[in-house]
Protein backbone atom coordinates (compact mmCIF):
# COMPACT_ATOMS: atom_id res chain seq x y z
CA UNK A 1 0.00 0.00 0.00
CA UNK A 2 1.04 3.63 -0.44
CA UNK A 3 3.00 4.98 2.50
CA UNK A 4 1.38 8.09 4.01
CA UNK A 5 3.51 11.08 4.82
CA UNK A 6 2.37 11.12 8.42
CA UNK A 7 1.71 8.16 10.72
CA UNK A 8 -0.79 8.12 13.56
CA UNK A 9 2.11 8.10 15.95
CA UNK A 10 3.35 11.27 14.28
CA UNK A 11 -0.05 12.86 14.77
CA UNK A 12 -0.13 12.07 18.46
CA UNK A 13 3.46 13.13 19.03
CA UNK A 14 3.54 16.13 16.69
CA UNK A 15 0.03 17.51 17.10
CA UNK A 16 -1.01 16.38 20.60
CA UNK A 17 -3.58 19.11 20.75
CA UNK A 18 -1.07 21.53 19.21
CA UNK A 19 1.73 22.24 21.68
CA UNK A 20 2.17 25.98 22.06
CA UNK A 21 5.25 27.77 20.86
CA UNK A 22 6.93 30.63 22.62
CA UNK A 23 6.76 32.91 19.59
CA UNK A 24 3.97 35.07 18.25
CA UNK A 25 2.98 36.68 21.52
CA UNK A 26 -0.72 35.97 21.98
CA UNK A 27 -3.82 35.31 19.98
CA UNK A 28 -4.23 36.00 16.28
CA UNK A 29 -5.58 39.53 15.97
CA UNK A 30 -7.22 39.08 12.57
CA UNK A 31 -10.96 39.86 12.40
CA UNK A 32 -13.31 36.90 11.89
CA UNK A 33 -13.88 37.68 8.21
CA UNK A 34 -10.13 37.50 7.53
CA UNK A 35 -9.85 34.24 9.45
CA UNK A 36 -12.76 32.82 7.46
CA UNK A 37 -10.99 33.90 4.28
CA UNK A 38 -7.99 31.83 5.33
CA UNK A 39 -10.22 28.82 6.02
CA UNK A 40 -11.76 29.27 2.55
CA UNK A 41 -8.27 29.24 1.02
CA UNK A 42 -7.38 26.12 3.01
CA UNK A 43 -10.43 24.33 1.61
CA UNK A 44 -9.44 25.27 -1.93
CA UNK A 45 -5.88 24.05 -1.39
CA UNK A 46 -7.08 20.74 0.07
CA UNK A 47 -9.62 20.18 -2.72
CA UNK A 48 -7.05 20.88 -5.45
CA UNK A 49 -4.42 18.47 -4.12
CA UNK A 50 -3.72 15.40 -6.25
CA UNK A 51 -3.55 13.27 -3.11
CA UNK A 52 -3.74 13.76 0.65
CA UNK A 53 -1.94 11.85 3.38
CA UNK A 54 -4.55 11.62 6.09
CA UNK A 55 -4.53 10.48 9.71
CA UNK A 56 -7.32 10.43 12.27
CA UNK A 57 -7.13 9.21 15.84
CA UNK A 58 -8.46 9.39 19.37
CA UNK A 59 -6.58 8.30 22.48
CA UNK A 60 -9.40 6.02 23.63
CA UNK A 61 -13.11 5.32 23.25
CA UNK A 62 -15.65 5.33 26.08
CA UNK A 63 -16.30 1.97 27.75
CA UNK A 64 -18.77 -0.16 25.83
CA UNK A 65 -18.51 1.88 22.62
CA UNK A 66 -17.74 0.32 19.24
CA UNK A 67 -16.05 2.72 16.86
CA UNK A 68 -12.96 3.95 15.07
CA UNK A 69 -9.82 4.32 17.19
CA UNK A 70 -7.47 5.46 14.43
CA UNK A 71 -6.91 5.44 10.68
CA UNK A 72 -3.84 6.35 8.66
CA UNK A 73 -3.46 6.37 4.89
CA UNK A 74 -3.57 8.26 1.62
CA UNK A 75 -6.60 9.37 -0.35
CA UNK A 76 -7.66 11.12 -3.52
CA UNK A 77 -10.68 13.16 -4.51
CA UNK A 78 -12.01 10.41 -6.78
CA UNK A 79 -12.79 9.76 -3.90
CA UNK A 80 -10.61 6.80 -2.93
CA UNK A 81 -8.55 5.78 0.10
CA UNK A 82 -5.98 3.16 1.05
CA UNK A 83 -4.66 2.73 4.57
CA UNK A 84 -4.88 0.98 7.90
CA UNK A 85 -6.09 1.55 11.41
CA UNK A 86 -7.84 0.08 14.43
CA UNK A 87 -11.49 -0.36 15.38
CA UNK A 88 -12.96 -1.21 18.75
CA UNK A 89 -15.82 -3.70 18.62
CA UNK A 90 -17.23 -6.05 21.24
CA UNK A 91 -14.67 -4.78 23.73
CA UNK A 92 -11.73 -5.82 21.51
CA UNK A 93 -9.36 -3.63 19.51
CA UNK A 94 -8.81 -5.02 16.02
CA UNK A 95 -6.30 -3.97 13.34
CA UNK A 96 -7.92 -3.22 10.00
CA UNK A 97 -6.57 -2.61 6.49
CA UNK A 98 -8.87 -0.51 4.34
CA UNK A 99 -9.39 0.23 0.65
CA UNK A 100 -12.27 2.40 -0.51
CA UNK A 101 -12.99 2.90 -4.21
CA UNK A 102 -16.13 4.08 -6.01
CA UNK A 103 -18.25 3.94 -2.88
CA UNK A 104 -17.24 0.38 -1.99
CA UNK A 105 -15.18 -0.28 1.15
CA UNK A 106 -13.01 -3.38 1.48
CA UNK A 107 -11.25 -4.52 4.64
CA UNK A 108 -8.92 -7.06 6.14
CA UNK A 109 -9.95 -7.25 9.79
CA UNK A 110 -7.89 -8.87 12.51
CA UNK A 111 -6.04 -11.89 11.18
CA UNK A 112 -8.27 -12.49 8.14
CA UNK A 113 -5.81 -12.80 5.21
CA UNK A 114 -8.01 -11.42 2.39
CA UNK A 115 -10.07 -8.30 1.73
CA UNK A 116 -13.86 -8.49 1.80
CA UNK A 117 -16.59 -5.85 1.33
CA UNK A 118 -17.82 -4.20 4.53
CA UNK A 119 -20.27 -1.59 5.71
CA UNK A 120 -17.97 0.69 7.75
CA UNK A 121 -20.99 1.91 9.69
CA UNK A 122 -21.24 -1.53 11.29
CA UNK A 123 -17.92 -0.72 12.98
CA UNK A 124 -19.03 2.80 13.91
CA UNK A 125 -16.66 4.17 11.27
CA UNK A 126 -17.06 6.35 8.16
CA UNK A 127 -16.23 5.49 4.58
CA UNK A 128 -12.64 6.81 4.69
CA UNK A 129 -12.77 7.99 1.08
CA UNK A 130 -15.80 10.16 1.88
CA UNK A 131 -13.64 12.17 4.28
CA UNK A 132 -11.82 13.65 1.28
CA UNK A 133 -14.89 14.32 -0.87
CA UNK A 134 -14.79 18.07 -1.76
CA UNK A 135 -18.58 18.36 -1.43
CA UNK A 136 -19.21 16.44 1.79
CA UNK A 137 -15.85 15.68 3.43
CA UNK A 138 -13.49 17.31 5.89
CA UNK A 139 -12.74 20.29 3.66
CA UNK A 140 -16.38 21.38 4.03
CA UNK A 141 -15.76 21.76 7.76
CA UNK A 142 -13.61 24.77 6.92
CA UNK A 143 -16.46 26.63 5.27
CA UNK A 144 -19.11 25.45 7.75
CA UNK A 145 -17.38 26.62 10.93
CA UNK A 146 -19.25 29.14 13.06
CA UNK A 147 -18.04 31.53 15.78
CA UNK A 148 -14.60 31.68 14.15
CA UNK A 149 -11.82 33.03 16.40
CA UNK A 150 -8.05 33.23 16.29
CA UNK A 151 -5.85 31.44 18.78
CA UNK A 152 -2.22 31.33 19.82
CA UNK A 153 0.42 30.12 17.33
CA UNK A 154 1.33 26.46 17.72
CA UNK A 155 4.08 24.15 16.59
CA UNK A 156 3.61 20.88 14.72
CA UNK A 157 6.98 19.34 13.94
CA UNK A 158 9.06 22.02 12.23
CA UNK A 159 6.08 24.16 11.25
CA UNK A 160 4.55 27.01 13.26
CA UNK A 161 0.82 27.05 12.62
CA UNK A 162 -1.90 29.65 12.96
CA UNK A 163 -4.71 28.24 15.06
CA UNK A 164 -8.34 29.06 14.31
CA UNK A 165 -11.16 27.76 16.48
CA UNK A 166 -14.93 27.61 16.17
CA UNK A 167 -17.93 25.31 16.29
CA UNK A 168 -19.37 22.77 13.86
CA UNK A 169 -22.94 21.52 13.65
CA UNK A 170 -23.41 17.86 14.47
CA UNK A 171 -24.92 17.14 11.05
CA UNK A 172 -21.65 18.30 9.47
CA UNK A 173 -19.51 16.23 11.82
CA UNK A 174 -21.45 13.05 11.02
CA UNK A 175 -19.23 12.75 7.94
CA UNK A 176 -16.38 12.09 10.37
CA UNK A 177 -18.21 9.67 12.70
CA UNK A 178 -21.74 8.62 11.62
CA UNK A 179 -23.03 8.32 15.20
CA UNK A 180 -22.19 11.95 16.07
CA UNK A 181 -25.11 13.78 17.73
CA UNK A 182 -26.76 15.70 14.89
CA UNK A 183 -28.35 18.18 17.30
CA UNK A 184 -25.13 19.09 19.13
CA UNK A 185 -22.39 21.62 18.48
CA UNK A 186 -18.80 20.35 18.27
CA UNK A 187 -15.69 22.36 19.13
CA UNK A 188 -13.01 22.49 16.45
CA UNK A 189 -9.50 23.92 16.26
CA UNK A 190 -7.58 24.09 13.00
CA UNK A 191 -3.86 24.48 12.38
CA UNK A 192 -2.97 26.37 9.17
CA UNK A 193 0.42 27.01 7.60
CA UNK A 194 1.50 30.46 6.43
CA UNK A 195 0.39 29.36 2.94
CA UNK A 196 -3.08 28.54 4.28
CA UNK A 197 -2.73 24.77 4.00
CA UNK A 198 -4.67 22.76 6.55
CA UNK A 199 -2.31 20.65 8.64
CA UNK A 200 -4.50 19.63 11.55
CA UNK A 201 -8.00 19.71 12.96
CA UNK A 202 -9.02 18.74 16.48
CA UNK A 203 -12.75 18.05 16.87
CA UNK A 204 -14.42 17.45 20.25
CA UNK A 205 -17.99 16.56 21.10
CA UNK A 206 -20.61 13.83 21.59
CA UNK A 207 -19.57 11.42 18.87
CA UNK A 208 -21.15 8.38 20.55
CA UNK A 209 -24.65 8.31 22.11
CA UNK A 210 -24.81 8.11 25.89
CA UNK A 211 -21.06 8.64 26.29
CA UNK A 212 -18.73 11.45 27.30
CA UNK A 213 -17.28 13.75 24.68
CA UNK A 214 -14.53 12.30 22.50
CA UNK A 215 -11.72 14.20 20.78
CA UNK A 216 -10.52 13.18 17.32
CA UNK A 217 -7.26 14.61 16.00
CA UNK A 218 -6.83 14.82 12.23
CA UNK A 219 -3.61 15.44 10.33
CA UNK A 220 -3.57 16.21 6.61
CA UNK A 221 -0.72 16.65 4.17
CA UNK A 222 -1.86 17.71 0.65
CA UNK A 223 0.47 16.72 -2.18
CA UNK A 224 0.87 17.09 -5.95
CA UNK A 225 1.78 13.40 -6.15
CA UNK A 226 -0.70 11.39 -8.18
CA UNK A 227 -1.68 8.20 -6.36
CA UNK A 228 -3.65 5.42 -8.05
CA UNK A 229 -5.88 3.40 -5.76
CA UNK A 230 -7.69 0.34 -7.06
CA UNK A 231 -10.08 -2.17 -5.55
CA UNK A 232 -8.41 -5.32 -4.20
CA UNK A 233 -8.66 -8.43 -6.36
C-alpha atoms as a PDB file:
ATOM      1  CA  UNK A   1       0.000   0.000   0.000  1.00  0.00           C
ATOM      2  CA  UNK A   2       1.036   3.629  -0.438  1.00  0.00           C
ATOM      3  CA  UNK A   3       3.002   4.978   2.500  1.00  0.00           C
ATOM      4  CA  UNK A   4       1.381   8.086   4.009  1.00  0.00           C
ATOM      5  CA  UNK A   5       3.510  11.080   4.818  1.00  0.00           C
ATOM      6  CA  UNK A   6       2.367  11.120   8.420  1.00  0.00           C
ATOM      7  CA  UNK A   7       1.707   8.164  10.725  1.00  0.00           C
ATOM      8  CA  UNK A   8      -0.788   8.118  13.556  1.00  0.00           C
ATOM      9  CA  UNK A   9       2.107   8.099  15.954  1.00  0.00           C
ATOM     10  CA  UNK A  10       3.345  11.269  14.283  1.00  0.00           C
ATOM     11  CA  UNK A  11      -0.054  12.859  14.771  1.00  0.00           C
ATOM     12  CA  UNK A  12      -0.128  12.074  18.462  1.00  0.00           C
ATOM     13  CA  UNK A  13       3.463  13.132  19.029  1.00  0.00           C
ATOM     14  CA  UNK A  14       3.540  16.133  16.691  1.00  0.00           C
ATOM     15  CA  UNK A  15       0.029  17.506  17.101  1.00  0.00           C
ATOM     16  CA  UNK A  16      -1.009  16.383  20.605  1.00  0.00           C
ATOM     17  CA  UNK A  17      -3.581  19.115  20.746  1.00  0.00           C
ATOM     18  CA  UNK A  18      -1.073  21.525  19.212  1.00  0.00           C
ATOM     19  CA  UNK A  19       1.732  22.235  21.681  1.00  0.00           C
ATOM     20  CA  UNK A  20       2.167  25.979  22.061  1.00  0.00           C
ATOM     21  CA  UNK A  21       5.254  27.767  20.856  1.00  0.00           C
ATOM     22  CA  UNK A  22       6.929  30.630  22.620  1.00  0.00           C
ATOM     23  CA  UNK A  23       6.759  32.908  19.593  1.00  0.00           C
ATOM     24  CA  UNK A  24       3.972  35.065  18.246  1.00  0.00           C
ATOM     25  CA  UNK A  25       2.977  36.682  21.520  1.00  0.00           C
ATOM     26  CA  UNK A  26      -0.715  35.968  21.985  1.00  0.00           C
ATOM     27  CA  UNK A  27      -3.818  35.305  19.979  1.00  0.00           C
ATOM     28  CA  UNK A  28      -4.232  35.999  16.279  1.00  0.00           C
ATOM     29  CA  UNK A  29      -5.582  39.531  15.971  1.00  0.00           C
ATOM     30  CA  UNK A  30      -7.221  39.085  12.566  1.00  0.00           C
ATOM     31  CA  UNK A  31     -10.961  39.862  12.400  1.00  0.00           C
ATOM     32  CA  UNK A  32     -13.314  36.896  11.891  1.00  0.00           C
ATOM     33  CA  UNK A  33     -13.880  37.684   8.214  1.00  0.00           C
ATOM     34  CA  UNK A  34     -10.129  37.499   7.527  1.00  0.00           C
ATOM     35  CA  UNK A  35      -9.846  34.235   9.448  1.00  0.00           C
ATOM     36  CA  UNK A  36     -12.764  32.822   7.459  1.00  0.00           C
ATOM     37  CA  UNK A  37     -10.991  33.896   4.279  1.00  0.00           C
ATOM     38  CA  UNK A  38      -7.989  31.829   5.328  1.00  0.00           C
ATOM     39  CA  UNK A  39     -10.220  28.824   6.018  1.00  0.00           C
ATOM     40  CA  UNK A  40     -11.756  29.267   2.549  1.00  0.00           C
ATOM     41  CA  UNK A  41      -8.270  29.238   1.015  1.00  0.00           C
ATOM     42  CA  UNK A  42      -7.380  26.123   3.014  1.00  0.00           C
ATOM     43  CA  UNK A  43     -10.427  24.326   1.609  1.00  0.00           C
ATOM     44  CA  UNK A  44      -9.442  25.266  -1.926  1.00  0.00           C
ATOM     45  CA  UNK A  45      -5.880  24.048  -1.393  1.00  0.00           C
ATOM     46  CA  UNK A  46      -7.079  20.744   0.068  1.00  0.00           C
ATOM     47  CA  UNK A  47      -9.615  20.180  -2.718  1.00  0.00           C
ATOM     48  CA  UNK A  48      -7.053  20.882  -5.455  1.00  0.00           C
ATOM     49  CA  UNK A  49      -4.418  18.471  -4.125  1.00  0.00           C
ATOM     50  CA  UNK A  50      -3.721  15.402  -6.249  1.00  0.00           C
ATOM     51  CA  UNK A  51      -3.549  13.269  -3.106  1.00  0.00           C
ATOM     52  CA  UNK A  52      -3.736  13.764   0.646  1.00  0.00           C
ATOM     53  CA  UNK A  53      -1.941  11.853   3.380  1.00  0.00           C
ATOM     54  CA  UNK A  54      -4.552  11.624   6.093  1.00  0.00           C
ATOM     55  CA  UNK A  55      -4.530  10.477   9.713  1.00  0.00           C
ATOM     56  CA  UNK A  56      -7.324  10.429  12.267  1.00  0.00           C
ATOM     57  CA  UNK A  57      -7.126   9.206  15.842  1.00  0.00           C
ATOM     58  CA  UNK A  58      -8.456   9.392  19.370  1.00  0.00           C
ATOM     59  CA  UNK A  59      -6.581   8.300  22.479  1.00  0.00           C
ATOM     60  CA  UNK A  60      -9.402   6.025  23.629  1.00  0.00           C
ATOM     61  CA  UNK A  61     -13.108   5.325  23.246  1.00  0.00           C
ATOM     62  CA  UNK A  62     -15.646   5.330  26.084  1.00  0.00           C
ATOM     63  CA  UNK A  63     -16.303   1.975  27.751  1.00  0.00           C
ATOM     64  CA  UNK A  64     -18.768  -0.160  25.830  1.00  0.00           C
ATOM     65  CA  UNK A  65     -18.511   1.876  22.623  1.00  0.00           C
ATOM     66  CA  UNK A  66     -17.737   0.320  19.239  1.00  0.00           C
ATOM     67  CA  UNK A  67     -16.048   2.721  16.863  1.00  0.00           C
ATOM     68  CA  UNK A  68     -12.965   3.953  15.074  1.00  0.00           C
ATOM     69  CA  UNK A  69      -9.821   4.316  17.185  1.00  0.00           C
ATOM     70  CA  UNK A  70      -7.471   5.463  14.429  1.00  0.00           C
ATOM     71  CA  UNK A  71      -6.912   5.437  10.678  1.00  0.00           C
ATOM     72  CA  UNK A  72      -3.837   6.345   8.661  1.00  0.00           C
ATOM     73  CA  UNK A  73      -3.460   6.372   4.889  1.00  0.00           C
ATOM     74  CA  UNK A  74      -3.571   8.257   1.621  1.00  0.00           C
ATOM     75  CA  UNK A  75      -6.597   9.369  -0.346  1.00  0.00           C
ATOM     76  CA  UNK A  76      -7.660  11.119  -3.515  1.00  0.00           C
ATOM     77  CA  UNK A  77     -10.682  13.164  -4.512  1.00  0.00           C
ATOM     78  CA  UNK A  78     -12.010  10.412  -6.775  1.00  0.00           C
ATOM     79  CA  UNK A  79     -12.791   9.757  -3.901  1.00  0.00           C
ATOM     80  CA  UNK A  80     -10.614   6.801  -2.926  1.00  0.00           C
ATOM     81  CA  UNK A  81      -8.553   5.779   0.104  1.00  0.00           C
ATOM     82  CA  UNK A  82      -5.981   3.162   1.055  1.00  0.00           C
ATOM     83  CA  UNK A  83      -4.662   2.733   4.570  1.00  0.00           C
ATOM     84  CA  UNK A  84      -4.879   0.981   7.899  1.00  0.00           C
ATOM     85  CA  UNK A  85      -6.091   1.550  11.411  1.00  0.00           C
ATOM     86  CA  UNK A  86      -7.843   0.077  14.425  1.00  0.00           C
ATOM     87  CA  UNK A  87     -11.485  -0.356  15.385  1.00  0.00           C
ATOM     88  CA  UNK A  88     -12.959  -1.214  18.753  1.00  0.00           C
ATOM     89  CA  UNK A  89     -15.824  -3.704  18.616  1.00  0.00           C
ATOM     90  CA  UNK A  90     -17.234  -6.050  21.240  1.00  0.00           C
ATOM     91  CA  UNK A  91     -14.665  -4.781  23.726  1.00  0.00           C
ATOM     92  CA  UNK A  92     -11.728  -5.822  21.514  1.00  0.00           C
ATOM     93  CA  UNK A  93      -9.365  -3.625  19.512  1.00  0.00           C
ATOM     94  CA  UNK A  94      -8.805  -5.022  16.019  1.00  0.00           C
ATOM     95  CA  UNK A  95      -6.297  -3.971  13.342  1.00  0.00           C
ATOM     96  CA  UNK A  96      -7.918  -3.220  10.002  1.00  0.00           C
ATOM     97  CA  UNK A  97      -6.570  -2.614   6.491  1.00  0.00           C
ATOM     98  CA  UNK A  98      -8.873  -0.509   4.337  1.00  0.00           C
ATOM     99  CA  UNK A  99      -9.386   0.230   0.650  1.00  0.00           C
ATOM    100  CA  UNK A 100     -12.273   2.395  -0.508  1.00  0.00           C
ATOM    101  CA  UNK A 101     -12.992   2.903  -4.214  1.00  0.00           C
ATOM    102  CA  UNK A 102     -16.131   4.081  -6.009  1.00  0.00           C
ATOM    103  CA  UNK A 103     -18.249   3.937  -2.875  1.00  0.00           C
ATOM    104  CA  UNK A 104     -17.237   0.375  -1.987  1.00  0.00           C
ATOM    105  CA  UNK A 105     -15.185  -0.277   1.148  1.00  0.00           C
ATOM    106  CA  UNK A 106     -13.006  -3.377   1.477  1.00  0.00           C
ATOM    107  CA  UNK A 107     -11.246  -4.517   4.639  1.00  0.00           C
ATOM    108  CA  UNK A 108      -8.920  -7.056   6.136  1.00  0.00           C
ATOM    109  CA  UNK A 109      -9.954  -7.252   9.786  1.00  0.00           C
ATOM    110  CA  UNK A 110      -7.894  -8.875  12.514  1.00  0.00           C
ATOM    111  CA  UNK A 111      -6.038 -11.893  11.177  1.00  0.00           C
ATOM    112  CA  UNK A 112      -8.275 -12.486   8.144  1.00  0.00           C
ATOM    113  CA  UNK A 113      -5.809 -12.799   5.205  1.00  0.00           C
ATOM    114  CA  UNK A 114      -8.010 -11.416   2.395  1.00  0.00           C
ATOM    115  CA  UNK A 115     -10.073  -8.305   1.729  1.00  0.00           C
ATOM    116  CA  UNK A 116     -13.856  -8.487   1.799  1.00  0.00           C
ATOM    117  CA  UNK A 117     -16.586  -5.848   1.331  1.00  0.00           C
ATOM    118  CA  UNK A 118     -17.821  -4.199   4.530  1.00  0.00           C
ATOM    119  CA  UNK A 119     -20.266  -1.588   5.712  1.00  0.00           C
ATOM    120  CA  UNK A 120     -17.973   0.691   7.753  1.00  0.00           C
ATOM    121  CA  UNK A 121     -20.994   1.908   9.694  1.00  0.00           C
ATOM    122  CA  UNK A 122     -21.238  -1.533  11.285  1.00  0.00           C
ATOM    123  CA  UNK A 123     -17.920  -0.716  12.982  1.00  0.00           C
ATOM    124  CA  UNK A 124     -19.029   2.798  13.906  1.00  0.00           C
ATOM    125  CA  UNK A 125     -16.661   4.171  11.269  1.00  0.00           C
ATOM    126  CA  UNK A 126     -17.062   6.353   8.165  1.00  0.00           C
ATOM    127  CA  UNK A 127     -16.226   5.490   4.579  1.00  0.00           C
ATOM    128  CA  UNK A 128     -12.636   6.814   4.686  1.00  0.00           C
ATOM    129  CA  UNK A 129     -12.772   7.992   1.076  1.00  0.00           C
ATOM    130  CA  UNK A 130     -15.799  10.163   1.884  1.00  0.00           C
ATOM    131  CA  UNK A 131     -13.642  12.173   4.281  1.00  0.00           C
ATOM    132  CA  UNK A 132     -11.822  13.647   1.276  1.00  0.00           C
ATOM    133  CA  UNK A 133     -14.893  14.318  -0.868  1.00  0.00           C
ATOM    134  CA  UNK A 134     -14.790  18.066  -1.760  1.00  0.00           C
ATOM    135  CA  UNK A 135     -18.584  18.357  -1.434  1.00  0.00           C
ATOM    136  CA  UNK A 136     -19.213  16.443   1.792  1.00  0.00           C
ATOM    137  CA  UNK A 137     -15.851  15.681   3.429  1.00  0.00           C
ATOM    138  CA  UNK A 138     -13.492  17.307   5.887  1.00  0.00           C
ATOM    139  CA  UNK A 139     -12.743  20.293   3.662  1.00  0.00           C
ATOM    140  CA  UNK A 140     -16.381  21.380   4.031  1.00  0.00           C
ATOM    141  CA  UNK A 141     -15.759  21.760   7.764  1.00  0.00           C
ATOM    142  CA  UNK A 142     -13.608  24.768   6.924  1.00  0.00           C
ATOM    143  CA  UNK A 143     -16.460  26.635   5.275  1.00  0.00           C
ATOM    144  CA  UNK A 144     -19.110  25.446   7.749  1.00  0.00           C
ATOM    145  CA  UNK A 145     -17.383  26.621  10.934  1.00  0.00           C
ATOM    146  CA  UNK A 146     -19.247  29.144  13.058  1.00  0.00           C
ATOM    147  CA  UNK A 147     -18.043  31.528  15.782  1.00  0.00           C
ATOM    148  CA  UNK A 148     -14.600  31.683  14.146  1.00  0.00           C
ATOM    149  CA  UNK A 149     -11.824  33.035  16.398  1.00  0.00           C
ATOM    150  CA  UNK A 150      -8.046  33.233  16.286  1.00  0.00           C
ATOM    151  CA  UNK A 151      -5.855  31.444  18.784  1.00  0.00           C
ATOM    152  CA  UNK A 152      -2.216  31.330  19.819  1.00  0.00           C
ATOM    153  CA  UNK A 153       0.416  30.122  17.328  1.00  0.00           C
ATOM    154  CA  UNK A 154       1.327  26.463  17.720  1.00  0.00           C
ATOM    155  CA  UNK A 155       4.083  24.149  16.588  1.00  0.00           C
ATOM    156  CA  UNK A 156       3.613  20.879  14.724  1.00  0.00           C
ATOM    157  CA  UNK A 157       6.979  19.342  13.944  1.00  0.00           C
ATOM    158  CA  UNK A 158       9.055  22.022  12.227  1.00  0.00           C
ATOM    159  CA  UNK A 159       6.077  24.163  11.254  1.00  0.00           C
ATOM    160  CA  UNK A 160       4.554  27.007  13.262  1.00  0.00           C
ATOM    161  CA  UNK A 161       0.825  27.049  12.618  1.00  0.00           C
ATOM    162  CA  UNK A 162      -1.899  29.648  12.956  1.00  0.00           C
ATOM    163  CA  UNK A 163      -4.713  28.235  15.055  1.00  0.00           C
ATOM    164  CA  UNK A 164      -8.338  29.056  14.310  1.00  0.00           C
ATOM    165  CA  UNK A 165     -11.162  27.763  16.482  1.00  0.00           C
ATOM    166  CA  UNK A 166     -14.930  27.610  16.167  1.00  0.00           C
ATOM    167  CA  UNK A 167     -17.931  25.306  16.293  1.00  0.00           C
ATOM    168  CA  UNK A 168     -19.367  22.768  13.857  1.00  0.00           C
ATOM    169  CA  UNK A 169     -22.941  21.519  13.647  1.00  0.00           C
ATOM    170  CA  UNK A 170     -23.409  17.864  14.469  1.00  0.00           C
ATOM    171  CA  UNK A 171     -24.915  17.143  11.045  1.00  0.00           C
ATOM    172  CA  UNK A 172     -21.653  18.303   9.468  1.00  0.00           C
ATOM    173  CA  UNK A 173     -19.509  16.229  11.824  1.00  0.00           C
ATOM    174  CA  UNK A 174     -21.447  13.046  11.019  1.00  0.00           C
ATOM    175  CA  UNK A 175     -19.231  12.746   7.937  1.00  0.00           C
ATOM    176  CA  UNK A 176     -16.381  12.086  10.367  1.00  0.00           C
ATOM    177  CA  UNK A 177     -18.210   9.665  12.699  1.00  0.00           C
ATOM    178  CA  UNK A 178     -21.739   8.624  11.624  1.00  0.00           C
ATOM    179  CA  UNK A 179     -23.027   8.315  15.201  1.00  0.00           C
ATOM    180  CA  UNK A 180     -22.195  11.949  16.071  1.00  0.00           C
ATOM    181  CA  UNK A 181     -25.109  13.777  17.727  1.00  0.00           C
ATOM    182  CA  UNK A 182     -26.758  15.696  14.886  1.00  0.00           C
ATOM    183  CA  UNK A 183     -28.349  18.182  17.297  1.00  0.00           C
ATOM    184  CA  UNK A 184     -25.128  19.093  19.130  1.00  0.00           C
ATOM    185  CA  UNK A 185     -22.386  21.621  18.479  1.00  0.00           C
ATOM    186  CA  UNK A 186     -18.801  20.352  18.270  1.00  0.00           C
ATOM    187  CA  UNK A 187     -15.695  22.364  19.134  1.00  0.00           C
ATOM    188  CA  UNK A 188     -13.006  22.486  16.449  1.00  0.00           C
ATOM    189  CA  UNK A 189      -9.497  23.917  16.261  1.00  0.00           C
ATOM    190  CA  UNK A 190      -7.579  24.087  12.995  1.00  0.00           C
ATOM    191  CA  UNK A 191      -3.863  24.481  12.381  1.00  0.00           C
ATOM    192  CA  UNK A 192      -2.974  26.373   9.171  1.00  0.00           C
ATOM    193  CA  UNK A 193       0.417  27.006   7.597  1.00  0.00           C
ATOM    194  CA  UNK A 194       1.502  30.460   6.431  1.00  0.00           C
ATOM    195  CA  UNK A 195       0.387  29.357   2.942  1.00  0.00           C
ATOM    196  CA  UNK A 196      -3.082  28.536   4.284  1.00  0.00           C
ATOM    197  CA  UNK A 197      -2.735  24.767   3.996  1.00  0.00           C
ATOM    198  CA  UNK A 198      -4.665  22.764   6.548  1.00  0.00           C
ATOM    199  CA  UNK A 199      -2.306  20.648   8.644  1.00  0.00           C
ATOM    200  CA  UNK A 200      -4.495  19.635  11.548  1.00  0.00           C
ATOM    201  CA  UNK A 201      -7.999  19.705  12.957  1.00  0.00           C
ATOM    202  CA  UNK A 202      -9.023  18.743  16.477  1.00  0.00           C
ATOM    203  CA  UNK A 203     -12.751  18.046  16.867  1.00  0.00           C
ATOM    204  CA  UNK A 204     -14.419  17.452  20.251  1.00  0.00           C
ATOM    205  CA  UNK A 205     -17.995  16.557  21.101  1.00  0.00           C
ATOM    206  CA  UNK A 206     -20.613  13.831  21.595  1.00  0.00           C
ATOM    207  CA  UNK A 207     -19.574  11.419  18.865  1.00  0.00           C
ATOM    208  CA  UNK A 208     -21.149   8.384  20.546  1.00  0.00           C
ATOM    209  CA  UNK A 209     -24.648   8.312  22.111  1.00  0.00           C
ATOM    210  CA  UNK A 210     -24.808   8.108  25.894  1.00  0.00           C
ATOM    211  CA  UNK A 211     -21.060   8.643  26.292  1.00  0.00           C
ATOM    212  CA  UNK A 212     -18.729  11.447  27.303  1.00  0.00           C
ATOM    213  CA  UNK A 213     -17.277  13.754  24.676  1.00  0.00           C
ATOM    214  CA  UNK A 214     -14.531  12.298  22.497  1.00  0.00           C
ATOM    215  CA  UNK A 215     -11.716  14.197  20.779  1.00  0.00           C
ATOM    216  CA  UNK A 216     -10.524  13.179  17.319  1.00  0.00           C
ATOM    217  CA  UNK A 217      -7.264  14.610  16.002  1.00  0.00           C
ATOM    218  CA  UNK A 218      -6.827  14.822  12.231  1.00  0.00           C
ATOM    219  CA  UNK A 219      -3.605  15.435  10.331  1.00  0.00           C
ATOM    220  CA  UNK A 220      -3.574  16.212   6.614  1.00  0.00           C
ATOM    221  CA  UNK A 221      -0.723  16.653   4.170  1.00  0.00           C
ATOM    222  CA  UNK A 222      -1.863  17.710   0.653  1.00  0.00           C
ATOM    223  CA  UNK A 223       0.468  16.722  -2.177  1.00  0.00           C
ATOM    224  CA  UNK A 224       0.875  17.093  -5.951  1.00  0.00           C
ATOM    225  CA  UNK A 225       1.778  13.402  -6.147  1.00  0.00           C
ATOM    226  CA  UNK A 226      -0.701  11.390  -8.180  1.00  0.00           C
ATOM    227  CA  UNK A 227      -1.683   8.197  -6.360  1.00  0.00           C
ATOM    228  CA  UNK A 228      -3.649   5.415  -8.051  1.00  0.00           C
ATOM    229  CA  UNK A 229      -5.884   3.401  -5.756  1.00  0.00           C
ATOM    230  CA  UNK A 230      -7.689   0.343  -7.058  1.00  0.00           C
ATOM    231  CA  UNK A 231     -10.080  -2.173  -5.547  1.00  0.00           C
ATOM    232  CA  UNK A 232      -8.406  -5.325  -4.197  1.00  0.00           C
ATOM    233  CA  UNK A 233      -8.660  -8.429  -6.358  1.00  0.00           C
END
